[in-house]
Amino acid sequence: MCRLSLKPFHSDGVADTDMIDLHTVATPNGHKISIMLEEVALPYKVIPYNIFEGDQFTPEFLALNPNNKLPVIVDNDPLDGGEPITGFETGAILIYLADKTGRFLSTEARARYQAIQWVMWQMSGLGPMHGQAHHFIRYAPEDIENRYAHDRYLAEAGRLLKVMESRLAEEEYLAGDYSIADMACWPWVRATALIDISLDAMPNIRRWFENIKARPAVEVGSNIINDFRKRIVNSDKVPLTSEQWSVLFGER
């Protein structure tokens, strides 16, 4: 179902047909989309990026996403039969793939809105707040005075998990049935271990997390190009050179 390209772009300049190109990196946001692609069984090619070296700033990639963020998809076989469609922003990509395949997003108005609502909650809250917690806990150099930011974002990360815990006390999945809302949130919940947040006091999230983890598509999709995560999973701080720091955090 998935095949890997070791170069960021097609060497011959010709797009594959009947396939989705997934420009990605091994982050929670990247794994949202590879999980979805595995769930809907669409053929796709993984095009990995080295964000430490600045692959995301090439003119070719900026033509796909002017915001220079990953992941991005290029659907070479859109439903309208026209030119390839490019998509960025993971919430939009999940909705696009759900509409393309007719799966994991209800067409019934109330259920559809419920799922999209939780996707937007993840995009505006869970992901950004947990991302900032990761930044100050795992990336910020020791010589930066960051205790306030560290505590602020860690507290907000915990608060948002409490919102999830409350919701999952009422429903098996965030929108009732398993949907793109769960795929959007699950990789970020997996990453809580990296910022020392335990799920032991959150039995509903723990149950939800383990049920999703057991899905074959999630097992495959959440391990796409996962070498970066494996390298840092047991590290208190992510080891970055000054050049890598500059590339990742906007100095360059």
C-alpha atoms as a PDB file:
ATOM      1  CA  MET A   1       0.000   0.000   0.000  1.00  0.00           C
ATOM      2  CA  CYS A   2       2.794   2.388   0.936  1.00  0.00           C
ATOM      3  CA  ARG A   3       6.114   2.754  -0.828  1.00  0.00           C
ATOM      4  CA  LEU A   4       9.026   4.974   0.045  1.00  0.00           C
ATOM      5  CA  SER A   5      10.828   7.540  -2.072  1.00  0.00           C
ATOM      6  CA  LEU A   6      14.239   8.486  -0.722  1.00  0.00           C
ATOM      7  CA  LYS A   7      14.255  11.829  -2.532  1.00  0.00           C
ATOM      8  CA  PRO A   8      11.961  14.750  -1.728  1.00  0.00           C
ATOM      9  CA  PHE A   9      10.723  15.035  -5.337  1.00  0.00           C
ATOM     10  CA  HIS A  10      10.309  12.887  -8.441  1.00  0.00           C
ATOM     11  CA  SER A  11      13.636  12.740 -10.247  1.00  0.00           C
ATOM     12  CA  ASP A  12      11.964  12.536 -13.645  1.00  0.00           C
ATOM     13  CA  GLY A  13       9.481  15.321 -12.917  1.00  0.00           C
ATOM     14  CA  VAL A  14       6.554  13.015 -13.718  1.00  0.00           C
ATOM     15  CA  ALA A  15       3.933  12.309 -11.086  1.00  0.00           C
ATOM     16  CA  ASP A  16       2.803   8.787 -10.366  1.00  0.00           C
ATOM     17  CA  THR A  17      -0.766   8.050 -11.391  1.00  0.00           C
ATOM     18  CA  ASP A  18      -3.461   6.532  -9.191  1.00  0.00           C
ATOM     19  CA  MET A  19      -1.404   7.404  -6.151  1.00  0.00           C
ATOM     20  CA  ILE A  20      -1.142   9.985  -3.404  1.00  0.00           C
ATOM     21  CA  ASP A  21       2.234  11.521  -2.709  1.00  0.00           C
ATOM     22  CA  LEU A  22       2.706  12.037   1.022  1.00  0.00           C
ATOM     23  CA  HIS A  23       5.384  14.621   1.761  1.00  0.00           C
ATOM     24  CA  THR A  24       5.995  14.049   5.432  1.00  0.00           C
ATOM     25  CA  VAL A  25       8.144  13.756   8.522  1.00  0.00           C
ATOM     26  CA  ALA A  26       7.835  11.459  11.560  1.00  0.00           C
ATOM     27  CA  THR A  27       5.831  13.763  13.819  1.00  0.00           C
ATOM     28  CA  PRO A  28       2.338  13.488  15.309  1.00  0.00           C
ATOM     29  CA  ASN A  29       1.038  15.669  12.480  1.00  0.00           C
ATOM     30  CA  GLY A  30       2.719  13.514   9.858  1.00  0.00           C
ATOM     31  CA  HIS A  31       1.383  10.323  11.389  1.00  0.00           C
ATOM     32  CA  LYS A  32      -2.197  11.601  11.377  1.00  0.00           C
ATOM     33  CA  ILE A  33      -2.149  11.398   7.591  1.00  0.00           C
ATOM     34  CA  SER A  34      -0.260   8.131   7.168  1.00  0.00           C
ATOM     35  CA  ILE A  35      -2.712   6.523   9.620  1.00  0.00           C
ATOM     36  CA  MET A  36      -5.657   7.805   7.580  1.00  0.00           C
ATOM     37  CA  LEU A  37      -4.135   6.624   4.310  1.00  0.00           C
ATOM     38  CA  GLU A  38      -3.641   3.167   5.805  1.00  0.00           C
ATOM     39  CA  GLU A  39      -7.186   3.123   7.177  1.00  0.00           C
ATOM     40  CA  VAL A  40      -8.768   3.942   3.818  1.00  0.00           C
ATOM     41  CA  ALA A  41      -6.321   1.694   1.907  1.00  0.00           C
ATOM     42  CA  LEU A  42      -5.375   4.296  -0.682  1.00  0.00           C
ATOM     43  CA  PRO A  43      -2.071   3.632  -2.467  1.00  0.00           C
ATOM     44  CA  TYR A  44       0.462   6.260  -1.493  1.00  0.00           C
ATOM     45  CA  LYS A  45       4.122   7.039  -1.741  1.00  0.00           C
ATOM     46  CA  VAL A  46       6.011   8.430   1.242  1.00  0.00           C
ATOM     47  CA  ILE A  47       8.401  11.264   0.411  1.00  0.00           C
ATOM     48  CA  PRO A  48      10.401  11.917   3.595  1.00  0.00           C
ATOM     49  CA  TYR A  49      11.971  15.243   4.482  1.00  0.00           C
ATOM     50  CA  ASN A  50      14.962  16.124   6.613  1.00  0.00           C
ATOM     51  CA  ILE A  51      13.652  19.156   8.460  1.00  0.00           C
ATOM     52  CA  PHE A  52      16.993  19.527  10.255  1.00  0.00           C
ATOM     53  CA  GLU A  53      18.654  20.261   6.935  1.00  0.00           C
ATOM     54  CA  GLY A  54      15.922  22.577   5.672  1.00  0.00           C
ATOM     55  CA  ASP A  55      14.267  20.392   3.011  1.00  0.00           C
ATOM     56  CA  GLN A  56      11.013  22.201   3.843  1.00  0.00           C
ATOM     57  CA  PHE A  57      12.402  25.513   2.564  1.00  0.00           C
ATOM     58  CA  THR A  58      13.177  24.470  -1.017  1.00  0.00           C
ATOM     59  CA  PRO A  59      11.348  26.366  -3.792  1.00  0.00           C
ATOM     60  CA  GLU A  60       9.793  23.070  -4.920  1.00  0.00           C
ATOM     61  CA  PHE A  61       8.231  22.435  -1.543  1.00  0.00           C
ATOM     62  CA  LEU A  62       7.145  26.036  -1.029  1.00  0.00           C
ATOM     63  CA  ALA A  63       5.206  25.681  -4.282  1.00  0.00           C
ATOM     64  CA  LEU A  64       3.209  22.953  -2.523  1.00  0.00           C
ATOM     65  CA  ASN A  65       2.838  24.697   0.826  1.00  0.00           C
ATOM     66  CA  PRO A  66       3.733  28.384   1.171  1.00  0.00           C
ATOM     67  CA  ASN A  67       3.712  27.881   4.959  1.00  0.00           C
ATOM     68  CA  ASN A  68       6.660  25.422   4.626  1.00  0.00           C
ATOM     69  CA  LYS A  69       5.102  22.931   7.055  1.00  0.00           C
ATOM     70  CA  LEU A  70       4.675  19.176   6.743  1.00  0.00           C
ATOM     71  CA  PRO A  71       2.790  17.043   5.888  1.00  0.00           C
ATOM     72  CA  VAL A  72       1.431  17.808   2.436  1.00  0.00           C
ATOM     73  CA  ILE A  73      -0.399  15.495   0.049  1.00  0.00           C
ATOM     74  CA  VAL A  74      -0.626  15.555  -3.708  1.00  0.00           C
ATOM     75  CA  ASP A  75      -3.553  13.522  -5.036  1.00  0.00           C
ATOM     76  CA  ASN A  76      -2.595  12.497  -8.551  1.00  0.00           C
ATOM     77  CA  ASP A  77      -5.989  10.847  -9.105  1.00  0.00           C
ATOM     78  CA  PRO A  78      -8.645  13.298  -7.838  1.00  0.00           C
ATOM     79  CA  LEU A  79     -12.297  12.410  -8.071  1.00  0.00           C
ATOM     80  CA  ASP A  80     -12.990  15.083 -10.692  1.00  0.00           C
ATOM     81  CA  GLY A  81     -10.408  13.549 -13.036  1.00  0.00           C
ATOM     82  CA  GLY A  82      -8.577  16.840 -13.380  1.00  0.00           C
ATOM     83  CA  GLU A  83      -5.099  17.979 -12.505  1.00  0.00           C
ATOM     84  CA  PRO A  84      -3.510  16.770  -9.250  1.00  0.00           C
ATOM     85  CA  ILE A  85      -4.842  18.376  -6.087  1.00  0.00           C
ATOM     86  CA  THR A  86      -2.411  19.552  -3.425  1.00  0.00           C
ATOM     87  CA  GLY A  87      -3.454  19.753   0.202  1.00  0.00           C
ATOM     88  CA  PHE A  88      -1.832  21.146   3.334  1.00  0.00           C
ATOM     89  CA  GLU A  89      -3.043  21.571   6.949  1.00  0.00           C
ATOM     90  CA  THR A  90      -3.759  18.177   8.452  1.00  0.00           C
ATOM     91  CA  GLY A  91      -7.380  18.862   9.388  1.00  0.00           C
ATOM     92  CA  ALA A  92      -8.149  19.835   5.809  1.00  0.00           C
ATOM     93  CA  ILE A  93      -6.260  16.794   4.486  1.00  0.00           C
ATOM     94  CA  LEU A  94      -8.199  14.425   6.762  1.00  0.00           C
ATOM     95  CA  ILE A  95     -11.514  15.885   5.625  1.00  0.00           C
ATOM     96  CA  TYR A  96     -10.408  15.680   1.982  1.00  0.00           C
ATOM     97  CA  LEU A  97      -9.418  12.027   2.268  1.00  0.00           C
ATOM     98  CA  ALA A  98     -12.622  11.202   4.131  1.00  0.00           C
ATOM     99  CA  ASP A  99     -14.713  12.840   1.412  1.00  0.00           C
ATOM    100  CA  LYS A 100     -12.661  11.160  -1.325  1.00  0.00           C
ATOM    101  CA  THR A 101     -13.214   7.691   0.121  1.00  0.00           C
ATOM    102  CA  GLY A 102     -16.538   8.092   1.909  1.00  0.00           C
ATOM    103  CA  ARG A 103     -15.039   6.759   5.138  1.00  0.00           C
ATOM    104  CA  PHE A 104     -14.487   7.938   8.724  1.00  0.00           C
ATOM    105  CA  LEU A 105     -16.584  11.105   8.339  1.00  0.00           C
ATOM    106  CA  SER A 106     -20.343  10.755   8.317  1.00  0.00           C
ATOM    107  CA  THR A 107     -22.455  12.344   5.604  1.00  0.00           C
ATOM    108  CA  GLU A 108     -25.256  12.828   8.136  1.00  0.00           C
ATOM    109  CA  ALA A 109     -25.152  16.485   9.157  1.00  0.00           C
ATOM    110  CA  ARG A 110     -25.105  16.167  12.953  1.00  0.00           C
ATOM    111  CA  ALA A 111     -22.568  13.341  13.086  1.00  0.00           C
ATOM    112  CA  ARG A 112     -20.382  15.040  10.474  1.00  0.00           C
ATOM    113  CA  TYR A 113     -20.343  18.284  12.436  1.00  0.00           C
ATOM    114  CA  GLN A 114     -19.482  16.410  15.633  1.00  0.00           C
ATOM    115  CA  ALA A 115     -16.411  14.870  14.049  1.00  0.00           C
ATOM    116  CA  ILE A 116     -15.266  18.091  12.363  1.00  0.00           C
ATOM    117  CA  GLN A 117     -15.738  19.927  15.646  1.00  0.00           C
ATOM    118  CA  TRP A 118     -13.262  17.625  17.400  1.00  0.00           C
ATOM    119  CA  VAL A 119     -10.827  17.841  14.489  1.00  0.00           C
ATOM    120  CA  MET A 120     -10.890  21.637  14.837  1.00  0.00           C
ATOM    121  CA  TRP A 121     -10.408  21.268  18.601  1.00  0.00           C
ATOM    122  CA  GLN A 122      -7.290  19.249  17.952  1.00  0.00           C
ATOM    123  CA  MET A 123      -5.997  21.679  15.339  1.00  0.00           C
ATOM    124  CA  SER A 124      -6.535  24.765  17.498  1.00  0.00           C
ATOM    125  CA  GLY A 125      -5.829  23.336  20.943  1.00  0.00           C
ATOM    126  CA  LEU A 126      -4.421  19.883  21.531  1.00  0.00           C
ATOM    127  CA  GLY A 127      -1.761  20.014  18.822  1.00  0.00           C
ATOM    128  CA  PRO A 128      -0.506  23.597  19.282  1.00  0.00           C
ATOM    129  CA  MET A 129      -0.480  23.493  23.089  1.00  0.00           C
ATOM    130  CA  HIS A 130       1.198  20.088  23.256  1.00  0.00           C
ATOM    131  CA  GLY A 131       3.596  21.232  20.547  1.00  0.00           C
ATOM    132  CA  GLN A 132       4.621  24.233  22.624  1.00  0.00           C
ATOM    133  CA  ALA A 133       5.046  22.008  25.683  1.00  0.00           C
ATOM    134  CA  HIS A 134       7.353  19.779  23.636  1.00  0.00           C
ATOM    135  CA  HIS A 135       9.294  22.838  22.484  1.00  0.00           C
ATOM    136  CA  PHE A 136      10.035  24.234  25.935  1.00  0.00           C
ATOM    137  CA  ILE A 137      10.512  20.872  27.663  1.00  0.00           C
ATOM    138  CA  ARG A 138      12.516  19.036  25.003  1.00  0.00           C
ATOM    139  CA  TYR A 139      14.027  21.559  22.608  1.00  0.00           C
ATOM    140  CA  ALA A 140      14.718  24.830  24.417  1.00  0.00           C
ATOM    141  CA  PRO A 141      18.402  25.202  25.372  1.00  0.00           C
ATOM    142  CA  GLU A 142      19.202  25.044  29.058  1.00  0.00           C
ATOM    143  CA  ASP A 143      20.489  28.608  29.103  1.00  0.00           C
ATOM    144  CA  ILE A 144      17.128  30.078  28.083  1.00  0.00           C
ATOM    145  CA  GLU A 145      14.943  31.278  30.943  1.00  0.00           C
ATOM    146  CA  ASN A 146      11.854  29.241  30.091  1.00  0.00           C
ATOM    147  CA  ARG A 147      10.361  28.008  33.367  1.00  0.00           C
ATOM    148  CA  TYR A 148       7.198  30.077  33.030  1.00  0.00           C
ATOM    149  CA  ALA A 149       6.620  28.903  29.453  1.00  0.00           C
ATOM    150  CA  HIS A 150       7.499  25.326  30.463  1.00  0.00           C
ATOM    151  CA  ASP A 151       4.900  25.335  33.251  1.00  0.00           C
ATOM    152  CA  ARG A 152       2.297  27.257  31.276  1.00  0.00           C
ATOM    153  CA  TYR A 153       2.211  24.910  28.297  1.00  0.00           C
ATOM    154  CA  LEU A 154       2.516  21.751  30.361  1.00  0.00           C
ATOM    155  CA  ALA A 155      -0.498  22.856  32.417  1.00  0.00           C
ATOM    156  CA  GLU A 156      -2.498  23.606  29.272  1.00  0.00           C
ATOM    157  CA  ALA A 157      -1.504  20.253  27.783  1.00  0.00           C
ATOM    158  CA  GLY A 158      -2.880  18.575  30.910  1.00  0.00           C
ATOM    159  CA  ARG A 159      -6.078  20.630  30.850  1.00  0.00           C
ATOM    160  CA  LEU A 160      -6.825  19.618  27.270  1.00  0.00           C
ATOM    161  CA  LEU A 161      -6.345  15.964  28.146  1.00  0.00           C
ATOM    162  CA  LYS A 162      -8.933  16.424  30.894  1.00  0.00           C
ATOM    163  CA  VAL A 163     -11.345  17.682  28.226  1.00  0.00           C
ATOM    164  CA  MET A 164     -10.715  14.490  26.276  1.00  0.00           C
ATOM    165  CA  GLU A 165     -11.090  12.359  29.390  1.00  0.00           C
ATOM    166  CA  SER A 166     -14.477  13.896  30.084  1.00  0.00           C
ATOM    167  CA  ARG A 167     -15.656  13.404  26.518  1.00  0.00           C
ATOM    168  CA  LEU A 168     -14.493   9.793  26.398  1.00  0.00           C
ATOM    169  CA  ALA A 169     -16.391   9.063  29.597  1.00  0.00           C
ATOM    170  CA  GLU A 170     -19.520   9.679  27.505  1.00  0.00           C
ATOM    171  CA  GLU A 171     -18.548   8.140  24.163  1.00  0.00           C
ATOM    172  CA  GLU A 172     -16.344   5.296  22.978  1.00  0.00           C
ATOM    173  CA  TYR A 173     -14.693   7.623  20.464  1.00  0.00           C
ATOM    174  CA  LEU A 174     -14.566  11.405  20.260  1.00  0.00           C
ATOM    175  CA  ALA A 175     -17.387  11.721  17.732  1.00  0.00           C
ATOM    176  CA  GLY A 176     -19.240   8.578  18.788  1.00  0.00           C
ATOM    177  CA  ASP A 177     -17.932   6.307  16.054  1.00  0.00           C
ATOM    178  CA  TYR A 178     -14.249   5.972  15.157  1.00  0.00           C
ATOM    179  CA  SER A 179     -13.453   8.853  12.813  1.00  0.00           C
ATOM    180  CA  ILE A 180     -10.889  11.340  11.573  1.00  0.00           C
ATOM    181  CA  ALA A 181     -11.268  13.106  14.930  1.00  0.00           C
ATOM    182  CA  ASP A 182      -9.627  10.159  16.664  1.00  0.00           C
ATOM    183  CA  MET A 183      -6.898   9.928  14.027  1.00  0.00           C
ATOM    184  CA  ALA A 184      -6.146  13.622  14.528  1.00  0.00           C
ATOM    185  CA  CYS A 185      -5.757  13.279  18.296  1.00  0.00           C
ATOM    186  CA  TRP A 186      -4.213   9.840  18.765  1.00  0.00           C
ATOM    187  CA  PRO A 187      -0.613  10.638  17.650  1.00  0.00           C
ATOM    188  CA  TRP A 188      -0.497  13.620  20.002  1.00  0.00           C
ATOM    189  CA  VAL A 189      -1.699  11.501  22.913  1.00  0.00           C
ATOM    190  CA  ARG A 190       0.979   8.940  22.080  1.00  0.00           C
ATOM    191  CA  ALA A 191       3.565  11.713  22.322  1.00  0.00           C
ATOM    192  CA  THR A 192       2.575  12.643  25.880  1.00  0.00           C
ATOM    193  CA  ALA A 193       5.163  10.149  27.153  1.00  0.00           C
ATOM    194  CA  LEU A 194       7.875  12.415  25.743  1.00  0.00           C
ATOM    195  CA  ILE A 195       6.824  15.254  28.040  1.00  0.00           C
ATOM    196  CA  ASP A 196       6.312  13.022  31.078  1.00  0.00           C
ATOM    197  CA  ILE A 197       2.518  13.124  31.110  1.00  0.00           C
ATOM    198  CA  SER A 198       1.092   9.878  32.405  1.00  0.00           C
ATOM    199  CA  LEU A 199      -2.279   8.528  31.297  1.00  0.00           C
ATOM    200  CA  ASP A 200      -2.622   6.398  34.431  1.00  0.00           C
ATOM    201  CA  ALA A 201      -5.139   8.792  35.992  1.00  0.00           C
ATOM    202  CA  MET A 202      -7.112   9.014  32.736  1.00  0.00           C
ATOM    203  CA  PRO A 203      -8.755   5.606  32.307  1.00  0.00           C
ATOM    204  CA  ASN A 204     -11.057   6.692  29.501  1.00  0.00           C
ATOM    205  CA  ILE A 205      -8.209   8.073  27.407  1.00  0.00           C
ATOM    206  CA  ARG A 206      -6.164   4.980  28.203  1.00  0.00           C
ATOM    207  CA  ARG A 207      -8.976   2.695  27.004  1.00  0.00           C
ATOM    208  CA  TRP A 208      -9.488   4.804  23.859  1.00  0.00           C
ATOM    209  CA  PHE A 209      -5.745   4.944  23.201  1.00  0.00           C
ATOM    210  CA  GLU A 210      -5.227   1.181  23.483  1.00  0.00           C
ATOM    211  CA  ASN A 211      -8.248   0.385  21.301  1.00  0.00           C
ATOM    212  CA  ILE A 212      -6.922   2.603  18.518  1.00  0.00           C
ATOM    213  CA  LYS A 213      -3.351   1.382  18.949  1.00  0.00           C
ATOM    214  CA  ALA A 214      -4.565  -2.171  18.276  1.00  0.00           C
ATOM    215  CA  ARG A 215      -5.885  -1.268  14.830  1.00  0.00           C
ATOM    216  CA  PRO A 216      -3.582  -2.710  12.108  1.00  0.00           C
ATOM    217  CA  ALA A 217      -3.724   0.477  10.041  1.00  0.00           C
ATOM    218  CA  VAL A 218      -2.672   2.548  13.056  1.00  0.00           C
ATOM    219  CA  GLU A 219       0.245   0.244  13.775  1.00  0.00           C
ATOM    220  CA  VAL A 220       1.570   0.706  10.237  1.00  0.00           C
ATOM    221  CA  GLY A 221       0.685   4.365   9.790  1.00  0.00           C
ATOM    222  CA  SER A 222       2.122   5.483  13.115  1.00  0.00           C
ATOM    223  CA  ASN A 223       5.519   3.970  12.349  1.00  0.00           C
ATOM    224  CA  ILE A 224       6.118   5.573   8.950  1.00  0.00           C
ATOM    225  CA  ILE A 225       9.729   6.899   8.770  1.00  0.00           C
ATOM    226  CA  ASN A 226       9.872   6.771  12.553  1.00  0.00           C
ATOM    227  CA  ASP A 227      13.657   6.896  12.896  1.00  0.00           C
ATOM    228  CA  PHE A 228      13.539  10.406  14.390  1.00  0.00           C
ATOM    229  CA  ARG A 229      11.109   9.431  17.133  1.00  0.00           C
ATOM    230  CA  LYS A 230      13.163   6.361  18.001  1.00  0.00           C
ATOM    231  CA  ARG A 231      16.263   8.518  18.297  1.00  0.00           C
ATOM    232  CA  ILE A 232      14.768  10.928  20.824  1.00  0.00           C
ATOM    233  CA  VAL A 233      12.286   8.797  22.745  1.00  0.00           C
ATOM    234  CA  ASN A 234      14.657   8.127  25.629  1.00  0.00           C
ATOM    235  CA  SER A 235      16.308  11.545  25.617  1.00  0.00           C
ATOM    236  CA  ASP A 236      15.458  14.286  28.119  1.00  0.00           C
ATOM    237  CA  LYS A 237      16.528  16.890  25.592  1.00  0.00           C
ATOM    238  CA  VAL A 238      16.574  16.640  21.816  1.00  0.00           C
ATOM    239  CA  PRO A 239      20.223  17.110  20.778  1.00  0.00           C
ATOM    240  CA  LEU A 240      20.326  19.905  18.196  1.00  0.00           C
ATOM    241  CA  THR A 241      23.305  21.688  16.716  1.00  0.00           C
ATOM    242  CA  SER A 242      23.148  25.472  16.450  1.00  0.00           C
ATOM    243  CA  GLU A 243      22.492  25.125  12.716  1.00  0.00           C
ATOM    244  CA  GLN A 244      19.625  22.653  13.271  1.00  0.00           C
ATOM    245  CA  TRP A 245      18.123  24.992  15.877  1.00  0.00           C
ATOM    246  CA  SER A 246      18.262  27.837  13.377  1.00  0.00           C
ATOM    247  CA  VAL A 247      16.583  25.763  10.660  1.00  0.00           C
ATOM    248  CA  LEU A 248      13.815  24.381  12.878  1.00  0.00           C
ATOM    249  CA  PHE A 249      12.919  27.493  14.823  1.00  0.00           C
ATOM    250  CA  GLY A 250      13.032  30.280  12.334  1.00  0.00           C
ATOM    251  CA  GLU A 251      16.370  32.009  12.738  1.00  0.00           C
ATOM    252  CA  ARG A 252      17.458  31.074   9.229  1.00  0.00           C
END
